[in-house]
Amino acid sequence: MEDGRVHQRTSRIGGHAMSLRFIGIDPNTGSGESPTVWVDEEHEELIFQGWLPSPELEAECAATEVPGHAKGIPAGEGVVRVPFRMVDMVREACDAAERADVRRTA
């Protein structure tokens, strides 16, 4: 896009090629903070970078009962916070995933 919000980037991380499509970054953060949204079409994932939760918020999330799932945050998963002002970027990432036919049936 001309406004610079969508960029395709292929990089090598740990010997693996990754193709991330940058969707957007929180416009209200300075250079030290940067909640960000990407789409990874190859791995069929939305990628979120956000603020770490407080210990209290993380404990509350871990204690929440979700039908069909054990309480807690599984190893290899984490909780991040993304501000409401980024809803349009999250929606754009969802739209990009749908356009890429990412929601395939198993």
N, C-alpha and C. Protein backbone atom coordinates (compact mmCIF):
# COMPACT_ATOMS: atom_id res chain seq x y z
N MET A 1 0.84 -1.18 0.00
CA MET A 1 0.00 0.00 0.00
C MET A 1 0.88 1.24 0.00
N GLU A 2 0.36 2.28 -0.55
CA GLU A 2 1.14 3.51 -0.67
C GLU A 2 1.40 4.16 0.68
N ASP A 3 0.48 3.99 1.64
CA ASP A 3 0.67 4.63 2.94
C ASP A 3 1.72 3.92 3.79
N GLY A 4 2.28 2.82 3.30
CA GLY A 4 3.35 2.14 4.00
C GLY A 4 2.89 1.18 5.08
N ARG A 5 1.58 0.96 5.21
CA ARG A 5 1.10 0.10 6.29
C ARG A 5 1.23 -1.37 5.99
N VAL A 6 1.28 -1.78 4.74
CA VAL A 6 1.37 -3.20 4.43
C VAL A 6 2.68 -3.47 3.72
N HIS A 7 3.51 -4.30 4.31
CA HIS A 7 4.80 -4.66 3.73
C HIS A 7 4.96 -6.17 3.81
N GLN A 8 5.49 -6.75 2.77
CA GLN A 8 5.81 -8.18 2.78
C GLN A 8 7.28 -8.30 3.12
N ARG A 9 7.61 -9.19 4.03
CA ARG A 9 9.01 -9.36 4.40
C ARG A 9 9.30 -10.84 4.55
N THR A 10 10.36 -11.25 3.95
CA THR A 10 10.83 -12.62 4.13
C THR A 10 12.17 -12.54 4.83
N SER A 11 12.31 -13.25 5.92
CA SER A 11 13.57 -13.22 6.66
C SER A 11 13.90 -14.63 7.12
N ARG A 12 15.12 -14.81 7.56
CA ARG A 12 15.53 -16.11 8.09
C ARG A 12 15.72 -15.96 9.59
N ILE A 13 14.98 -16.77 10.32
CA ILE A 13 15.08 -16.78 11.77
C ILE A 13 15.35 -18.22 12.17
N GLY A 14 16.43 -18.47 12.86
CA GLY A 14 16.74 -19.83 13.30
C GLY A 14 16.82 -20.82 12.15
N GLY A 15 17.26 -20.37 10.97
CA GLY A 15 17.39 -21.25 9.83
C GLY A 15 16.10 -21.47 9.06
N HIS A 16 15.00 -20.86 9.51
CA HIS A 16 13.71 -21.03 8.84
C HIS A 16 13.32 -19.73 8.14
N ALA A 17 12.85 -19.83 6.91
CA ALA A 17 12.36 -18.65 6.20
C ALA A 17 10.99 -18.30 6.74
N MET A 18 10.77 -17.03 7.04
CA MET A 18 9.47 -16.57 7.53
C MET A 18 8.98 -15.49 6.60
N SER A 19 7.72 -15.55 6.25
CA SER A 19 7.13 -14.53 5.40
C SER A 19 6.03 -13.84 6.19
N LEU A 20 6.31 -12.65 6.67
CA LEU A 20 5.35 -11.89 7.45
C LEU A 20 4.85 -10.71 6.65
N ARG A 21 3.56 -10.49 6.71
CA ARG A 21 2.96 -9.31 6.08
C ARG A 21 2.62 -8.33 7.20
N PHE A 22 3.34 -7.23 7.24
CA PHE A 22 3.12 -6.20 8.25
C PHE A 22 1.78 -5.54 7.98
N ILE A 23 0.92 -5.48 9.00
CA ILE A 23 -0.38 -4.83 8.86
C ILE A 23 -0.36 -3.44 9.48
N GLY A 24 0.11 -3.33 10.71
CA GLY A 24 0.12 -2.02 11.32
C GLY A 24 0.76 -2.02 12.70
N ILE A 25 1.07 -0.81 13.14
CA ILE A 25 1.68 -0.60 14.45
C ILE A 25 0.88 0.47 15.17
N ASP A 26 0.79 0.37 16.47
CA ASP A 26 0.03 1.33 17.26
C ASP A 26 0.55 2.73 16.98
N PRO A 27 -0.28 3.61 16.42
CA PRO A 27 0.18 4.95 16.07
C PRO A 27 0.45 5.84 17.27
N ASN A 28 -0.01 5.44 18.44
CA ASN A 28 0.15 6.28 19.63
C ASN A 28 1.35 5.91 20.49
N THR A 29 2.19 5.01 20.01
CA THR A 29 3.35 4.64 20.81
C THR A 29 4.61 5.28 20.24
N GLY A 30 5.53 5.52 21.13
CA GLY A 30 6.81 6.09 20.70
C GLY A 30 7.73 4.99 20.21
N SER A 31 9.00 5.34 20.10
CA SER A 31 9.96 4.38 19.56
C SER A 31 10.26 3.25 20.54
N GLY A 32 9.93 3.41 21.81
CA GLY A 32 10.23 2.38 22.80
C GLY A 32 9.17 1.32 22.96
N GLU A 33 7.97 1.57 22.49
CA GLU A 33 6.87 0.61 22.59
C GLU A 33 6.25 0.47 21.22
N SER A 34 5.79 -0.74 20.91
CA SER A 34 5.29 -0.89 19.54
C SER A 34 4.35 -2.08 19.37
N PRO A 35 3.16 -2.07 19.99
CA PRO A 35 2.22 -3.13 19.66
C PRO A 35 2.02 -3.19 18.15
N THR A 36 2.13 -4.39 17.58
CA THR A 36 2.18 -4.56 16.13
C THR A 36 1.35 -5.77 15.72
N VAL A 37 0.82 -5.73 14.49
CA VAL A 37 0.03 -6.83 13.94
C VAL A 37 0.64 -7.25 12.61
N TRP A 38 0.81 -8.57 12.42
CA TRP A 38 1.28 -9.14 11.16
C TRP A 38 0.36 -10.29 10.76
N VAL A 39 0.46 -10.71 9.50
CA VAL A 39 -0.19 -11.92 9.00
C VAL A 39 0.92 -12.82 8.46
N ASP A 40 0.88 -14.08 8.84
CA ASP A 40 1.81 -15.08 8.31
C ASP A 40 0.97 -16.07 7.51
N GLU A 41 0.88 -15.83 6.19
CA GLU A 41 0.05 -16.67 5.34
C GLU A 41 0.60 -18.08 5.22
N GLU A 42 1.92 -18.22 5.23
CA GLU A 42 2.54 -19.54 5.09
C GLU A 42 2.14 -20.47 6.23
N HIS A 43 2.13 -19.93 7.45
CA HIS A 43 1.80 -20.75 8.62
C HIS A 43 0.35 -20.56 9.06
N GLU A 44 -0.40 -19.76 8.32
CA GLU A 44 -1.82 -19.51 8.59
C GLU A 44 -2.04 -19.00 10.01
N GLU A 45 -1.34 -17.90 10.33
CA GLU A 45 -1.42 -17.33 11.67
C GLU A 45 -1.49 -15.81 11.63
N LEU A 46 -2.17 -15.25 12.61
CA LEU A 46 -2.10 -13.82 12.88
C LEU A 46 -1.05 -13.67 13.98
N ILE A 47 -0.17 -12.71 13.84
CA ILE A 47 0.91 -12.49 14.80
C ILE A 47 0.66 -11.16 15.50
N PHE A 48 0.66 -11.19 16.83
CA PHE A 48 0.44 -9.98 17.62
C PHE A 48 1.64 -9.74 18.52
N GLN A 49 2.13 -8.53 18.50
CA GLN A 49 3.12 -8.08 19.48
C GLN A 49 2.40 -7.08 20.35
N GLY A 50 2.45 -7.27 21.64
CA GLY A 50 1.75 -6.36 22.53
C GLY A 50 2.49 -6.22 23.84
N TRP A 51 1.88 -5.48 24.74
CA TRP A 51 2.47 -5.28 26.05
C TRP A 51 2.27 -6.54 26.89
N LEU A 52 3.23 -6.85 27.73
CA LEU A 52 3.09 -7.97 28.65
C LEU A 52 2.03 -7.63 29.70
N PRO A 53 1.29 -8.62 30.15
CA PRO A 53 0.27 -8.35 31.16
C PRO A 53 0.90 -8.18 32.54
N SER A 54 0.15 -7.54 33.41
CA SER A 54 0.59 -7.49 34.81
C SER A 54 0.45 -8.90 35.39
N PRO A 55 1.16 -9.18 36.46
CA PRO A 55 1.00 -10.51 37.09
C PRO A 55 -0.46 -10.79 37.46
N GLU A 56 -1.18 -9.75 37.88
CA GLU A 56 -2.58 -9.92 38.26
C GLU A 56 -3.44 -10.31 37.05
N LEU A 57 -3.23 -9.64 35.92
CA LEU A 57 -4.01 -9.95 34.72
C LEU A 57 -3.68 -11.35 34.22
N GLU A 58 -2.41 -11.71 34.22
CA GLU A 58 -2.02 -13.04 33.77
C GLU A 58 -2.64 -14.12 34.67
N ALA A 59 -2.65 -13.87 35.99
CA ALA A 59 -3.26 -14.82 36.92
C ALA A 59 -4.76 -14.93 36.67
N GLU A 60 -5.42 -13.81 36.40
CA GLU A 60 -6.86 -13.83 36.12
C GLU A 60 -7.15 -14.62 34.84
N CYS A 61 -6.35 -14.41 33.80
CA CYS A 61 -6.52 -15.18 32.56
C CYS A 61 -6.31 -16.66 32.82
N ALA A 62 -5.28 -17.00 33.59
CA ALA A 62 -4.97 -18.40 33.87
C ALA A 62 -6.07 -19.06 34.69
N ALA A 63 -6.77 -18.29 35.52
CA ALA A 63 -7.81 -18.84 36.39
C ALA A 63 -9.17 -18.93 35.70
N THR A 64 -9.32 -18.33 34.54
CA THR A 64 -10.60 -18.32 33.84
C THR A 64 -10.92 -19.70 33.28
N GLU A 65 -12.14 -20.15 33.55
CA GLU A 65 -12.58 -21.45 33.02
C GLU A 65 -13.11 -21.27 31.61
N VAL A 66 -12.59 -22.06 30.70
CA VAL A 66 -13.02 -22.07 29.30
C VAL A 66 -13.53 -23.48 29.01
N PRO A 67 -14.79 -23.62 28.60
CA PRO A 67 -15.34 -24.96 28.37
C PRO A 67 -14.45 -25.80 27.45
N GLY A 68 -14.18 -27.02 27.89
CA GLY A 68 -13.39 -27.95 27.08
C GLY A 68 -11.89 -27.78 27.21
N HIS A 69 -11.45 -26.88 28.09
CA HIS A 69 -10.02 -26.64 28.26
C HIS A 69 -9.66 -26.62 29.74
N ALA A 70 -8.45 -27.03 30.04
CA ALA A 70 -7.96 -26.96 31.41
C ALA A 70 -7.66 -25.52 31.76
N LYS A 71 -7.76 -25.19 33.04
CA LYS A 71 -7.37 -23.85 33.48
C LYS A 71 -5.88 -23.69 33.28
N GLY A 72 -5.47 -22.46 33.14
CA GLY A 72 -4.05 -22.17 33.04
C GLY A 72 -3.65 -21.75 31.64
N ILE A 73 -2.43 -21.31 31.52
CA ILE A 73 -1.85 -20.90 30.25
C ILE A 73 -0.83 -21.96 29.89
N PRO A 74 -1.07 -22.72 28.83
CA PRO A 74 -0.16 -23.81 28.47
C PRO A 74 1.25 -23.32 28.18
N ALA A 75 2.22 -24.20 28.42
CA ALA A 75 3.61 -23.90 28.07
C ALA A 75 3.65 -23.59 26.58
N GLY A 76 4.40 -22.60 26.20
CA GLY A 76 4.50 -22.23 24.80
C GLY A 76 3.46 -21.20 24.38
N GLU A 77 2.57 -20.79 25.28
CA GLU A 77 1.58 -19.75 25.00
C GLU A 77 1.77 -18.61 25.97
N GLY A 78 1.28 -17.44 25.60
CA GLY A 78 1.40 -16.29 26.46
C GLY A 78 0.26 -15.32 26.24
N VAL A 79 0.11 -14.41 27.15
CA VAL A 79 -0.92 -13.38 27.09
C VAL A 79 -0.24 -12.06 26.74
N VAL A 80 -0.79 -11.33 25.78
CA VAL A 80 -0.30 -9.98 25.48
C VAL A 80 -1.50 -9.04 25.45
N ARG A 81 -1.23 -7.77 25.69
CA ARG A 81 -2.26 -6.75 25.66
C ARG A 81 -2.08 -5.91 24.40
N VAL A 82 -3.19 -5.65 23.71
CA VAL A 82 -3.18 -4.82 22.51
C VAL A 82 -4.26 -3.76 22.72
N PRO A 83 -3.97 -2.48 22.53
CA PRO A 83 -4.95 -1.43 22.81
C PRO A 83 -6.13 -1.45 21.83
N PHE A 84 -7.30 -1.05 22.33
CA PHE A 84 -8.51 -0.97 21.51
C PHE A 84 -8.30 -0.16 20.24
N ARG A 85 -7.44 0.86 20.31
CA ARG A 85 -7.26 1.71 19.13
C ARG A 85 -6.69 0.94 17.94
N MET A 86 -6.27 -0.31 18.16
CA MET A 86 -5.72 -1.13 17.08
C MET A 86 -6.76 -2.08 16.48
N VAL A 87 -8.02 -1.94 16.87
CA VAL A 87 -9.07 -2.83 16.37
C VAL A 87 -9.11 -2.83 14.84
N ASP A 88 -8.99 -1.67 14.22
CA ASP A 88 -9.02 -1.62 12.75
C ASP A 88 -7.87 -2.43 12.14
N MET A 89 -6.71 -2.42 12.78
CA MET A 89 -5.57 -3.20 12.27
C MET A 89 -5.81 -4.70 12.45
N VAL A 90 -6.40 -5.06 13.59
CA VAL A 90 -6.73 -6.48 13.82
C VAL A 90 -7.76 -6.93 12.78
N ARG A 91 -8.75 -6.08 12.53
CA ARG A 91 -9.77 -6.40 11.51
C ARG A 91 -9.12 -6.53 10.13
N GLU A 92 -8.18 -5.64 9.82
CA GLU A 92 -7.47 -5.71 8.53
C GLU A 92 -6.68 -7.01 8.41
N ALA A 93 -6.06 -7.44 9.51
CA ALA A 93 -5.33 -8.71 9.49
C ALA A 93 -6.28 -9.88 9.25
N CYS A 94 -7.46 -9.83 9.88
CA CYS A 94 -8.46 -10.88 9.66
C CYS A 94 -8.92 -10.88 8.21
N ASP A 95 -9.14 -9.70 7.65
CA ASP A 95 -9.53 -9.60 6.23
C ASP A 95 -8.44 -10.16 5.32
N ALA A 96 -7.19 -9.85 5.63
CA ALA A 96 -6.07 -10.36 4.82
C ALA A 96 -6.02 -11.88 4.89
N ALA A 97 -6.28 -12.43 6.07
CA ALA A 97 -6.28 -13.89 6.22
C ALA A 97 -7.39 -14.51 5.38
N GLU A 98 -8.56 -13.89 5.39
CA GLU A 98 -9.66 -14.42 4.59
C GLU A 98 -9.36 -14.32 3.10
N ARG A 99 -8.77 -13.22 2.68
CA ARG A 99 -8.41 -13.06 1.26
C ARG A 99 -7.38 -14.09 0.83
N ALA A 100 -6.52 -14.50 1.76
CA ALA A 100 -5.48 -15.48 1.44
C ALA A 100 -6.03 -16.90 1.53
N ASP A 101 -7.32 -17.03 1.77
CA ASP A 101 -7.95 -18.34 1.91
C ASP A 101 -7.28 -19.14 3.02
N VAL A 102 -6.94 -18.44 4.10
CA VAL A 102 -6.26 -19.07 5.22
C VAL A 102 -7.20 -19.98 5.99
N ARG A 103 -8.47 -19.65 6.01
CA ARG A 103 -9.43 -20.46 6.77
C ARG A 103 -9.83 -21.68 5.96
N ARG A 104 -8.91 -22.58 5.83
CA ARG A 104 -9.14 -23.81 5.06
C ARG A 104 -9.74 -24.87 5.96
N THR A 105 -10.47 -25.78 5.37
CA THR A 105 -11.00 -26.89 6.15
C THR A 105 -9.95 -27.97 6.25
N ALA A 106 -9.93 -28.65 7.37
CA ALA A 106 -8.91 -29.69 7.61
C ALA A 106 -9.19 -30.94 6.79
